[in-house]
Protein backbone atom coordinates (compact mmCIF):
# COMPACT_ATOMS: atom_id res chain seq x y z
CA UNK A 1 -0.27 -0.13 0.18
CA UNK A 2 1.26 3.10 -1.45
CA UNK A 3 2.21 5.49 2.45
CA UNK A 4 2.39 9.11 1.77
CA UNK A 5 4.60 11.76 3.65
CA UNK A 6 2.85 12.53 6.86
CA UNK A 7 5.32 15.41 8.24
CA UNK A 8 5.35 18.20 5.70
CA UNK A 9 7.21 19.87 7.79
CA UNK A 10 10.22 17.64 7.43
CA UNK A 11 10.44 18.42 3.44
CA UNK A 12 7.51 20.74 2.85
CA UNK A 13 8.91 20.66 -1.16
CA UNK A 14 8.30 16.90 -1.99
CA UNK A 15 4.80 16.78 0.46
CA UNK A 16 2.98 19.71 -0.94
CA UNK A 17 4.41 18.75 -4.69
CA UNK A 18 3.09 15.35 -4.39
CA UNK A 19 -0.03 16.34 -2.68
CA UNK A 20 -0.79 18.82 -5.97
CA UNK A 21 -0.25 15.97 -8.24
CA UNK A 22 -2.71 13.69 -6.36
CA UNK A 23 -5.58 16.48 -5.98
CA UNK A 24 -5.53 16.59 -9.63
CA UNK A 25 -6.38 13.23 -9.76
CA UNK A 26 -8.83 13.26 -6.57
CA UNK A 27 -10.87 16.00 -7.45
CA UNK A 28 -10.74 14.58 -11.51
CA UNK A 29 -14.18 13.33 -13.36
CA UNK A 30 -13.34 10.02 -13.45
CA UNK A 31 -14.83 6.53 -14.37
CA UNK A 32 -15.07 3.22 -12.53
CA UNK A 33 -12.50 1.01 -12.48
CA UNK A 34 -11.29 -2.50 -11.15
CA UNK A 35 -8.18 -0.48 -8.62
CA UNK A 36 -10.82 0.82 -6.86
CA UNK A 37 -10.50 -0.43 -3.66
CA UNK A 38 -6.69 0.19 -3.82
CA UNK A 39 -7.13 3.77 -4.97
CA UNK A 40 -9.84 4.40 -2.03
CA UNK A 41 -6.81 3.24 0.36
CA UNK A 42 -4.19 5.33 -1.58
CA UNK A 43 -6.88 8.62 -0.76
CA UNK A 44 -6.96 7.96 2.76
CA UNK A 45 -3.59 8.11 3.43
CA UNK A 46 -3.44 11.22 1.52
CA UNK A 47 -6.24 12.66 3.43
CA UNK A 48 -4.70 11.34 6.54
CA UNK A 49 -1.60 13.82 5.74
CA UNK A 50 -3.58 16.32 4.22
CA UNK A 51 -5.65 16.39 8.19
CA UNK A 52 -2.39 16.62 9.82
CA UNK A 53 -1.18 19.17 7.75
CA UNK A 54 -4.29 21.29 8.10
CA UNK A 55 -4.64 20.74 12.23
CA UNK A 56 -1.09 21.79 11.82
CA UNK A 57 -2.09 25.50 10.52
CA UNK A 58 -4.65 25.99 12.98
CA UNK A 59 -2.34 25.50 15.47
CA UNK A 60 0.32 28.24 13.86
CA UNK A 61 -2.57 30.44 13.51
CA UNK A 62 -4.04 30.23 17.04
CA UNK A 63 -1.80 33.34 18.75
CA UNK A 64 -3.23 35.69 15.84
CA UNK A 65 -7.07 34.75 16.65
CA UNK A 66 -9.26 37.79 18.22
CA UNK A 67 -10.77 37.57 21.30
CA UNK A 68 -13.95 36.44 21.98
CA UNK A 69 -16.54 39.03 21.92
CA UNK A 70 -19.90 39.91 20.10
CA UNK A 71 -20.55 39.54 16.22
CA UNK A 72 -20.33 43.49 15.57
CA UNK A 73 -16.62 42.52 17.07
CA UNK A 74 -15.88 40.11 15.24
CA UNK A 75 -17.10 41.58 11.87
CA UNK A 76 -14.73 44.61 12.70
CA UNK A 77 -11.79 42.47 13.04
CA UNK A 78 -12.73 40.56 10.05
CA UNK A 79 -12.48 43.46 8.17
CA UNK A 80 -9.33 45.10 9.20
CA UNK A 81 -7.82 41.87 8.04
CA UNK A 82 -7.95 43.64 4.34
CA UNK A 83 -5.21 46.32 6.35
CA UNK A 84 -3.71 44.31 8.97
CA UNK A 85 -3.83 40.60 7.98
CA UNK A 86 -1.06 38.47 7.12
CA UNK A 87 0.64 39.60 3.68
CA UNK A 88 -0.84 42.60 3.40
CA UNK A 89 0.27 45.50 1.83
CA UNK A 90 3.14 43.68 1.04
CA UNK A 91 6.06 45.47 -1.16
CA UNK A 92 6.25 42.67 -3.78
CA UNK A 93 2.65 44.58 -5.69
CA UNK A 94 4.08 47.88 -5.48
CA UNK A 95 7.30 46.54 -7.01
CA UNK A 96 5.09 44.74 -10.10
CA UNK A 97 3.09 47.63 -10.63
CA UNK A 98 6.40 49.90 -11.24
CA UNK A 99 9.35 48.07 -11.02
CA UNK A 100 9.00 44.53 -12.58
CA UNK A 101 10.19 43.42 -16.03
CA UNK A 102 8.20 41.25 -18.59
CA UNK A 103 10.21 38.57 -17.82
CA UNK A 104 9.53 38.46 -13.93
CA UNK A 105 5.83 39.67 -14.20
CA UNK A 106 5.74 36.21 -16.44
CA UNK A 107 7.36 34.13 -13.87
CA UNK A 108 5.08 35.41 -11.34
CA UNK A 109 1.79 35.01 -13.28
CA UNK A 110 3.01 31.53 -14.10
CA UNK A 111 3.28 31.10 -10.64
CA UNK A 112 0.10 32.50 -9.82
CA UNK A 113 -1.59 30.22 -12.10
CA UNK A 114 -0.19 26.70 -11.22
CA UNK A 115 -1.56 27.67 -7.55
CA UNK A 116 -4.70 28.77 -8.32
CA UNK A 117 -7.68 26.20 -6.97
CA UNK A 118 -10.46 27.60 -8.68
CA UNK A 119 -12.92 29.83 -7.01
CA UNK A 120 -15.80 27.84 -8.58
CA UNK A 121 -14.89 24.82 -7.86
CA UNK A 122 -14.08 25.90 -4.56
CA UNK A 123 -17.25 27.57 -3.92
CA UNK A 124 -19.38 24.75 -5.22
CA UNK A 125 -18.06 22.32 -2.24
CA UNK A 126 -18.50 24.81 0.10
CA UNK A 127 -21.69 25.64 -0.40
CA UNK A 128 -23.32 22.03 0.15
CA UNK A 129 -25.99 22.05 3.16
CA UNK A 130 -25.48 25.51 4.05
CA UNK A 131 -28.37 27.47 5.45
CA UNK A 132 -30.26 28.97 2.97
CA UNK A 133 -29.47 32.89 3.01
CA UNK A 134 -25.45 31.92 2.90
CA UNK A 135 -26.24 29.10 0.82
CA UNK A 136 -28.16 31.79 -1.80
CA UNK A 137 -25.40 34.59 -1.48
CA UNK A 138 -22.32 31.12 -2.65
CA UNK A 139 -25.11 31.00 -5.70
CA UNK A 140 -25.05 34.55 -6.62
CA UNK A 141 -21.37 34.57 -6.36
CA UNK A 142 -20.97 31.38 -8.29
CA UNK A 143 -23.04 32.79 -11.00
CA UNK A 144 -20.64 35.55 -11.17
CA UNK A 145 -18.05 33.23 -11.58
CA UNK A 146 -19.56 31.38 -14.42
CA UNK A 147 -19.77 34.80 -16.22
CA UNK A 148 -23.94 34.40 -15.92
CA UNK A 149 -23.53 31.48 -18.48
CA UNK A 150 -21.88 33.06 -20.65
CA UNK A 151 -18.49 31.36 -21.42
CA UNK A 152 -16.02 34.09 -22.42
CA UNK A 153 -17.14 35.98 -19.08
CA UNK A 154 -16.22 33.23 -16.89
CA UNK A 155 -13.46 34.00 -14.29
CA UNK A 156 -11.60 30.62 -14.71
CA UNK A 157 -11.68 31.42 -18.76
CA UNK A 158 -10.44 34.51 -18.53
CA UNK A 159 -7.79 33.41 -16.45
CA UNK A 160 -6.91 30.70 -18.86
CA UNK A 161 -7.03 33.01 -22.18
CA UNK A 162 -4.38 34.71 -20.00
CA UNK A 163 -2.62 32.03 -19.70
CA UNK A 164 -2.10 31.01 -23.05
CA UNK A 165 -2.01 34.69 -24.69
CA UNK A 166 1.38 35.14 -22.39
CA UNK A 167 1.98 31.41 -23.87
CA UNK A 168 2.93 31.05 -20.05
CA UNK A 169 3.35 26.80 -18.94
CA UNK A 170 2.54 26.47 -15.50
CA UNK A 171 3.46 22.87 -14.00
CA UNK A 172 3.12 21.57 -10.93
CA UNK A 173 6.91 20.33 -11.08
CA UNK A 174 8.39 24.07 -11.50
CA UNK A 175 6.34 25.59 -9.35
CA UNK A 176 7.10 26.57 -6.06
CA UNK A 177 6.07 24.78 -3.28
CA UNK A 178 4.67 28.00 -1.46
CA UNK A 179 1.96 28.21 -4.45
CA UNK A 180 1.36 24.42 -4.33
CA UNK A 181 0.62 24.49 -0.59
CA UNK A 182 -1.74 27.80 -0.87
CA UNK A 183 -4.00 25.69 -3.36
CA UNK A 184 -3.62 22.59 -1.52
CA UNK A 185 -4.86 24.20 1.93
CA UNK A 186 -7.83 25.87 -0.36
CA UNK A 187 -9.13 22.62 -1.68
CA UNK A 188 -8.36 20.64 1.63
CA UNK A 189 -10.64 23.09 3.47
CA UNK A 190 -13.36 23.25 0.46
CA UNK A 191 -13.17 19.67 0.01
CA UNK A 192 -13.59 18.59 4.20
CA UNK A 193 -16.67 19.12 5.71
CA UNK A 194 -15.78 19.29 8.99
CA UNK A 195 -13.83 22.13 7.62
CA UNK A 196 -16.65 24.51 6.04
CA UNK A 197 -16.27 27.01 8.23
CA UNK A 198 -12.97 28.05 7.31
CA UNK A 199 -13.53 27.10 3.98
CA UNK A 200 -16.24 29.79 4.12
CA UNK A 201 -13.17 32.56 6.10
CA UNK A 202 -11.12 31.64 3.95
CA UNK A 203 -12.76 32.43 0.56
CA UNK A 204 -14.32 35.58 1.92
CA UNK A 205 -11.10 36.96 2.98
CA UNK A 206 -9.79 36.01 -0.55
CA UNK A 207 -12.88 38.51 -1.59
CA UNK A 208 -11.90 41.04 1.21
CA UNK A 209 -8.27 41.25 0.21
CA UNK A 210 -7.88 40.45 -3.70
CA UNK A 211 -8.68 43.56 -4.93
CA UNK A 212 -5.66 45.76 -4.08
CA UNK A 213 -3.38 43.43 -5.07
CA UNK A 214 -4.92 42.24 -8.28
CA UNK A 215 -5.39 46.18 -9.13
CA UNK A 216 -1.38 46.41 -8.57
CA UNK A 217 -0.72 43.60 -10.74
CA UNK A 218 -2.87 45.37 -13.50
CA UNK A 219 -0.88 48.74 -13.25
CA UNK A 220 2.29 46.08 -13.68
CA UNK A 221 0.69 44.81 -16.55
CA UNK A 222 -0.38 47.68 -18.43
CA UNK A 223 2.71 49.41 -17.86
CA UNK A 224 4.73 46.82 -19.48
CA UNK A 225 2.33 46.30 -22.84
CA UNK A 226 0.02 44.04 -21.98
CA UNK A 227 -3.46 44.91 -23.38
CA UNK A 228 -7.08 44.52 -21.72
CA UNK A 229 -7.74 41.09 -22.68
CA UNK A 230 -4.57 40.11 -20.72
CA UNK A 231 -5.45 42.22 -17.95
CA UNK A 232 -8.93 41.07 -17.68
CA UNK A 233 -9.03 38.98 -15.08
CA UNK A 234 -7.55 41.03 -12.89
CA UNK A 235 -9.48 44.22 -13.73
CA UNK A 236 -12.61 42.56 -13.38
CA UNK A 237 -11.43 40.94 -9.69
CA UNK A 238 -10.43 44.52 -8.58
CA UNK A 239 -13.61 45.93 -9.37
CA UNK A 240 -16.29 43.20 -8.16
CA UNK A 241 -14.42 41.30 -5.85
CA UNK A 242 -15.52 44.86 -3.71
CA UNK A 243 -18.87 44.17 -3.69
CA UNK A 244 -18.57 40.09 -3.09
CA UNK A 245 -16.87 40.91 -0.18
CA UNK A 246 -19.51 42.87 1.40
CA UNK A 247 -22.01 40.58 0.51
CA UNK A 248 -20.30 37.63 1.77
CA UNK A 249 -20.14 40.02 5.39
CA UNK A 250 -23.90 40.91 4.79
CA UNK A 251 -25.15 37.60 4.40
CA UNK A 252 -23.19 34.64 5.08
CA UNK A 253 -20.39 35.68 7.89
CA UNK A 254 -22.87 37.99 9.90
CA UNK A 255 -25.59 35.66 9.42
CA UNK A 256 -23.34 32.30 11.08
CA UNK A 257 -21.64 33.97 13.21
CA UNK A 258 -25.46 35.69 14.84
CA UNK A 259 -26.78 31.97 14.67
CA UNK A 260 -24.12 30.00 16.23
CA UNK A 261 -20.92 32.40 18.04
CA UNK A 262 -18.92 29.31 17.90
CA UNK A 263 -18.44 29.17 14.37
CA UNK A 264 -16.45 32.70 14.36
CA UNK A 265 -13.50 30.70 15.44
CA UNK A 266 -13.56 28.61 12.82
CA UNK A 267 -14.16 31.11 9.97
CA UNK A 268 -11.13 33.08 11.40
CA UNK A 269 -8.87 30.36 11.11
CA UNK A 270 -9.65 29.37 7.74
CA UNK A 271 -9.25 33.16 6.73
CA UNK A 272 -6.00 33.17 8.93
CA UNK A 273 -4.66 30.44 7.00
CA UNK A 274 -5.45 31.16 3.78
CA UNK A 275 -3.65 34.89 4.46
CA UNK A 276 -0.78 33.29 5.88
CA UNK A 277 -0.09 30.79 3.10
CA UNK A 278 -0.43 33.75 1.04
CA UNK A 279 2.02 36.12 2.58
CA UNK A 280 4.29 32.67 2.41
CA UNK A 281 3.96 32.81 -1.14
CA UNK A 282 4.81 36.55 -1.66
CA UNK A 283 8.07 36.59 0.68
CA UNK A 284 9.16 33.11 -1.43
CA UNK A 285 8.07 35.68 -4.60
CA UNK A 286 10.12 38.15 -3.36
CA UNK A 287 13.27 35.95 -2.86
CA UNK A 288 13.34 34.47 -6.42
CA UNK A 289 12.54 37.42 -8.14
CA UNK A 290 15.36 39.43 -6.04
CA UNK A 291 13.06 42.10 -5.21
CA UNK A 292 14.49 43.57 -1.93
CA UNK A 293 17.99 44.30 -4.48
CA UNK A 294 15.91 45.83 -6.87
CA UNK A 295 14.25 48.04 -4.40
CA UNK A 296 16.93 49.14 -2.78
């Protein structure tokens, strides 16, 4: 029986690279196979390893959690993550906007594309059996992700079009492990029902924090002469995610916390786990792109 790594801290590069390959197969549309029992055993081993990794991340963010208080206090704390959360206001994005070369921008975009877990699919997994009000907001958000039924307006399609237009080659084996860890974390939260509230926190904080970053990426792409079609994915999220964040807090987070205050801690953990993973990516990107040396 195949035995996956169970200690991602010992070799995070190997762990997240292998888990990313496993996840590609795990969520792909499949067909019946005579190997289904062996496949289940392999999948079980990796789900245990994934769970151990996610539990370790929960422990890591525990010191950053807000004090228990009112729903209003929790919402204020959540909203403050846009300014004060891990990885926010990172110098990488001003550097991308004003200093990165075309080759450096293409490398950054390749890493981001390879680590993208697919917001639409994460949302679809997460919304299962949620209360009606939260489920409806997830549905509205999902419909936006699907371009209101028009392929050219689908967010994932826009990202794919950018990848093709720039001739990027996103591959698991050429992606830094921090970007793979981000995708693995998001998929693990969304596909594991015990982490439903964590996934809602993680998806919500993406909507909350993305606009400022993607706007600066778009500024950098425009500076480098990349046309509007290539920038469409980033321009869209720079504007749309602002309203999505407000709706997510109003229709999902607030009602859930009011109905069950215990879920606030889980939502907070998920948000922080997502931000910490993002901050690790920004640091690794900055190191590989020599951002500090360029700024100096």
